Protein backbone atom coordinates (compact mmCIF):
# COMPACT_ATOMS: atom_id res chain seq x y z
CA UNK A 1 134.40 129.26 150.41
CA UNK A 2 137.43 126.25 150.59
CA UNK A 3 140.21 126.01 148.39
CA UNK A 4 138.45 122.97 146.04
CA UNK A 5 135.38 124.33 145.54
CA UNK A 6 137.01 127.75 144.44
CA UNK A 7 138.67 124.98 141.92
CA UNK A 8 135.52 123.61 140.91
CA UNK A 9 134.55 127.02 139.96
CA UNK A 10 137.58 127.57 138.01
CA UNK A 11 137.26 123.63 136.53
CA UNK A 12 133.96 124.99 135.48
CA UNK A 13 135.28 128.52 133.52
CA UNK A 14 137.90 126.34 132.04
CA UNK A 15 136.17 123.49 130.58
CA UNK A 16 132.26 124.48 130.26
CA UNK A 17 132.46 127.77 129.14
CA UNK A 18 130.66 126.53 125.79
CA UNK A 19 128.02 124.61 126.76
CA UNK A 20 127.27 127.39 129.62
CA UNK A 21 126.89 129.91 126.56
CA UNK A 22 125.30 127.68 125.07
CA UNK A 23 122.35 126.92 127.99
CA UNK A 24 122.09 130.86 128.18
CA UNK A 25 121.45 131.14 124.55
CA UNK A 26 118.40 128.27 125.28
CA UNK A 27 117.46 129.83 128.28
CA UNK A 28 117.20 133.38 127.66
CA UNK A 29 116.17 134.20 124.12
CA UNK A 30 114.21 137.64 124.65
CA UNK A 31 117.16 139.05 127.05
CA UNK A 32 120.07 140.07 126.00
CA UNK A 33 123.22 138.76 127.77
CA UNK A 34 126.22 139.87 126.03
CA UNK A 35 127.30 143.25 125.65
CA UNK A 36 130.72 142.92 123.92
CA UNK A 37 133.10 140.29 123.10
CA UNK A 38 134.46 140.64 126.23
CA UNK A 39 131.51 141.69 128.44
CA UNK A 40 128.13 140.03 129.67
CA UNK A 41 124.75 142.60 130.00
CA UNK A 42 123.45 142.58 133.96
CA UNK A 43 120.99 140.13 132.99
CA UNK A 44 123.71 137.65 131.71
CA UNK A 45 126.10 138.00 134.93
CA UNK A 46 122.75 137.17 136.88
CA UNK A 47 122.47 134.07 134.71
CA UNK A 48 126.04 133.46 135.39
CA UNK A 49 126.08 133.80 138.76
CA UNK A 50 122.26 131.42 138.67
CA UNK A 51 124.32 128.46 137.34
CA UNK A 52 127.61 128.77 139.25
CA UNK A 53 125.37 129.04 142.49
CA UNK A 54 123.26 126.08 141.90
CA UNK A 55 126.44 123.97 140.49
CA UNK A 56 128.60 124.58 143.71
CA UNK A 57 125.35 123.70 145.81
CA UNK A 58 125.13 120.49 144.11
CA UNK A 59 128.66 120.21 144.66
CA UNK A 60 128.51 121.27 148.20
CA UNK A 61 125.84 118.74 148.77
CA UNK A 62 127.59 116.10 147.74
CA UNK A 63 130.87 116.69 149.85
CA UNK A 64 129.63 118.21 152.87
CA UNK A 65 126.13 116.83 152.86
CA UNK A 66 124.63 120.32 152.91
CA UNK A 67 123.89 122.72 150.30
CA UNK A 68 123.81 125.88 151.74
CA UNK A 69 125.53 128.76 150.61
CA UNK A 70 125.93 131.84 152.77
CA UNK A 71 126.15 135.24 151.91
CA UNK A 72 129.84 135.31 151.46
CA UNK A 73 129.79 132.37 149.43
CA UNK A 74 126.87 134.55 147.31
CA UNK A 75 129.67 137.42 147.15
CA UNK A 76 132.24 135.65 145.93
CA UNK A 77 130.45 134.11 143.04
CA UNK A 78 129.52 137.70 141.69
CA UNK A 79 132.86 138.92 142.14
CA UNK A 80 133.58 135.51 140.29
CA UNK A 81 131.47 136.00 137.53
CA UNK A 82 132.33 139.51 137.20
CA UNK A 83 136.60 138.92 136.56
CA UNK A 84 135.53 135.37 134.23
CA UNK A 85 132.61 137.31 132.30
CA UNK A 86 135.36 137.36 129.55
CA UNK A 87 135.30 133.59 128.78
CA UNK A 88 131.52 133.35 128.71
CA UNK A 89 131.36 136.65 126.64
CA UNK A 90 133.30 135.45 124.26
CA UNK A 91 131.48 131.89 123.93
CA UNK A 92 127.89 134.08 123.29
CA UNK A 93 129.57 136.76 120.87
CA UNK A 94 131.29 134.31 118.57
C-alpha cells in the first residue's frame, strides 16, 4: 500500500468517524456493532473493514486506474481497523 493511501485511510478516521458511525447505525439495526466505549464487536469491525475497503478501492481506481486490492491490502485494513476501532466505537457508544 502506498503512503498516500495510508494517509487517505487516516483522514477517514480523523474526519469521517461520525459519518461512518451514522452509516453503521442506519445500515445494521439488527446487529450489535459496539461492545464498549472503545471497542467494536466482530460485526462492527467487519462493517468498518468493508467500508474502508470500498473507499480505498474507489480511491485506488481514481489514482491508479485499477481498483483491485491485494491480500496484503486487506490484511492492512484489518489491522488498521483493529488499531482505530476506538474512534468508531466512541461515536457509536455516545
